[in-house]
Amino acid sequence: MQDDAITLDTNIFVADGLRLESGLLARMSQFKSGSAKFILSEIMVREISNKLHERAADARKDLKKAIHASSSAQARQTACTKSFG
């Protein structure tokens, strides 16, 4: 008896935008009832997790920059209003 298996490389998930719920990983559910098994190795789980953490850190950094820029702009606007208002 031969076992059929499907696995994907981490780069496939990255290229698909790491969309786990709606991307390629979600489409793997089509094999759920078949004889092929979808295998996600521990290495891939770690790599995908690391990529998601990197994206979250980048998003957090971008958000902090945006908040700082908004606060600075608001402070300048308030100072102008007090000076000329």
C-alpha atoms as a PDB file:
ATOM      1  CA  MET A   1       0.000   0.000   0.000  1.00  0.00           C
ATOM      2  CA  GLN A   2       1.393   3.361  -1.046  1.00  0.00           C
ATOM      3  CA  ASP A   3       0.667   6.525   0.935  1.00  0.00           C
ATOM      4  CA  ASP A   4       0.201   9.681  -1.102  1.00  0.00           C
ATOM      5  CA  ALA A   5       1.308  12.928   0.502  1.00  0.00           C
ATOM      6  CA  ILE A   6       1.282  16.596  -0.425  1.00  0.00           C
ATOM      7  CA  THR A   7       3.548  19.200   1.092  1.00  0.00           C
ATOM      8  CA  LEU A   8       4.457  22.735   0.167  1.00  0.00           C
ATOM      9  CA  ASP A   9       7.560  24.826   0.671  1.00  0.00           C
ATOM     10  CA  THR A  10       7.460  27.889   2.920  1.00  0.00           C
ATOM     11  CA  ASN A  11       8.174  30.112  -0.093  1.00  0.00           C
ATOM     12  CA  ILE A  12       4.818  29.093  -1.570  1.00  0.00           C
ATOM     13  CA  PHE A  13       3.053  30.468   1.511  1.00  0.00           C
ATOM     14  CA  VAL A  14       5.150  33.647   1.439  1.00  0.00           C
ATOM     15  CA  ALA A  15       4.403  34.178  -2.262  1.00  0.00           C
ATOM     16  CA  ASP A  16       0.704  33.697  -1.456  1.00  0.00           C
ATOM     17  CA  GLY A  17       0.912  36.508   1.102  1.00  0.00           C
ATOM     18  CA  LEU A  18       0.865  34.201   4.144  1.00  0.00           C
ATOM     19  CA  ARG A  19      -2.924  34.098   3.840  1.00  0.00           C
ATOM     20  CA  LEU A  20      -3.564  30.974   5.834  1.00  0.00           C
ATOM     21  CA  GLU A  21      -7.364  31.140   6.090  1.00  0.00           C
ATOM     22  CA  SER A  22      -8.128  32.158   2.516  1.00  0.00           C
ATOM     23  CA  GLY A  23      -4.989  31.373   0.578  1.00  0.00           C
ATOM     24  CA  LEU A  24      -3.327  28.238  -0.625  1.00  0.00           C
ATOM     25  CA  LEU A  25      -3.472  26.496   2.747  1.00  0.00           C
ATOM     26  CA  ALA A  26      -7.257  26.816   2.784  1.00  0.00           C
ATOM     27  CA  ARG A  27      -7.403  25.291  -0.684  1.00  0.00           C
ATOM     28  CA  MET A  28      -5.600  22.204   0.611  1.00  0.00           C
ATOM     29  CA  SER A  29      -8.873  21.217   2.288  1.00  0.00           C
ATOM     30  CA  GLN A  30      -9.967  19.823  -1.082  1.00  0.00           C
ATOM     31  CA  PHE A  31      -7.729  16.824  -0.333  1.00  0.00           C
ATOM     32  CA  LYS A  32      -9.313  16.175   3.072  1.00  0.00           C
ATOM     33  CA  SER A  33     -11.559  13.365   1.899  1.00  0.00           C
ATOM     34  CA  GLY A  34      -9.058  11.842  -0.530  1.00  0.00           C
ATOM     35  CA  SER A  35      -6.295   9.360   0.091  1.00  0.00           C
ATOM     36  CA  ALA A  36      -3.532  11.978  -0.059  1.00  0.00           C
ATOM     37  CA  LYS A  37      -2.379  13.497   3.215  1.00  0.00           C
ATOM     38  CA  PHE A  38      -1.269  17.091   3.553  1.00  0.00           C
ATOM     39  CA  ILE A  39       1.954  17.235   5.553  1.00  0.00           C
ATOM     40  CA  LEU A  40       3.158  20.411   7.219  1.00  0.00           C
ATOM     41  CA  SER A  41       6.551  19.778   8.790  1.00  0.00           C
ATOM     42  CA  GLU A  42       7.687  21.325  12.074  1.00  0.00           C
ATOM     43  CA  ILE A  43      10.346  23.247  10.159  1.00  0.00           C
ATOM     44  CA  MET A  44       7.683  24.785   7.914  1.00  0.00           C
ATOM     45  CA  VAL A  45       5.492  25.623  10.910  1.00  0.00           C
ATOM     46  CA  ARG A  46       8.451  27.430  12.536  1.00  0.00           C
ATOM     47  CA  GLU A  47       9.380  29.246   9.320  1.00  0.00           C
ATOM     48  CA  ILE A  48       5.810  30.385   8.677  1.00  0.00           C
ATOM     49  CA  SER A  49       5.423  31.425  12.302  1.00  0.00           C
ATOM     50  CA  ASN A  50       8.650  33.440  12.097  1.00  0.00           C
ATOM     51  CA  LYS A  51       7.475  35.150   8.904  1.00  0.00           C
ATOM     52  CA  LEU A  52       4.152  36.034  10.545  1.00  0.00           C
ATOM     53  CA  HIS A  53       5.969  37.426  13.598  1.00  0.00           C
ATOM     54  CA  GLU A  54       8.234  39.491  11.319  1.00  0.00           C
ATOM     55  CA  ARG A  55       5.207  40.936   9.517  1.00  0.00           C
ATOM     56  CA  ALA A  56       3.514  41.717  12.824  1.00  0.00           C
ATOM     57  CA  ALA A  57       6.666  43.474  14.102  1.00  0.00           C
ATOM     58  CA  ASP A  58       6.904  45.498  10.881  1.00  0.00           C
ATOM     59  CA  ALA A  59       3.223  46.442  11.126  1.00  0.00           C
ATOM     60  CA  ARG A  60       3.680  47.459  14.769  1.00  0.00           C
ATOM     61  CA  LYS A  61       6.684  49.613  13.826  1.00  0.00           C
ATOM     62  CA  ASP A  62       4.760  51.242  10.964  1.00  0.00           C
ATOM     63  CA  LEU A  63       1.823  51.920  13.264  1.00  0.00           C
ATOM     64  CA  LYS A  64       4.079  53.571  15.852  1.00  0.00           C
ATOM     65  CA  LYS A  65       5.585  55.769  13.120  1.00  0.00           C
ATOM     66  CA  ALA A  66       2.130  56.757  11.909  1.00  0.00           C
ATOM     67  CA  ILE A  67       0.944  57.572  15.431  1.00  0.00           C
ATOM     68  CA  HIS A  68       4.068  59.642  16.058  1.00  0.00           C
ATOM     69  CA  ALA A  69       3.664  61.484  12.748  1.00  0.00           C
ATOM     70  CA  SER A  70      -0.007  62.135  13.491  1.00  0.00           C
ATOM     71  CA  SER A  71       0.791  63.382  17.001  1.00  0.00           C
ATOM     72  CA  SER A  72       3.524  65.661  15.661  1.00  0.00           C
ATOM     73  CA  ALA A  73       1.224  67.075  12.973  1.00  0.00           C
ATOM     74  CA  GLN A  74      -1.533  67.624  15.522  1.00  0.00           C
ATOM     75  CA  ALA A  75       0.897  69.367  17.878  1.00  0.00           C
ATOM     76  CA  ARG A  76       2.073  71.659  15.046  1.00  0.00           C
ATOM     77  CA  GLN A  77      -1.521  72.441  14.096  1.00  0.00           C
ATOM     78  CA  THR A  78      -2.390  73.239  17.704  1.00  0.00           C
ATOM     79  CA  ALA A  79       0.663  75.521  17.996  1.00  0.00           C
ATOM     80  CA  CYS A  80      -0.294  77.341  14.767  1.00  0.00           C
ATOM     81  CA  THR A  81      -3.865  77.751  15.955  1.00  0.00           C
ATOM     82  CA  LYS A  82      -2.692  79.241  19.262  1.00  0.00           C
ATOM     83  CA  SER A  83      -0.234  81.561  17.495  1.00  0.00           C
ATOM     84  CA  PHE A  84      -2.573  82.801  14.801  1.00  0.00           C
ATOM     85  CA  GLY A  85      -5.975  82.022  16.198  1.00  0.00           C
END
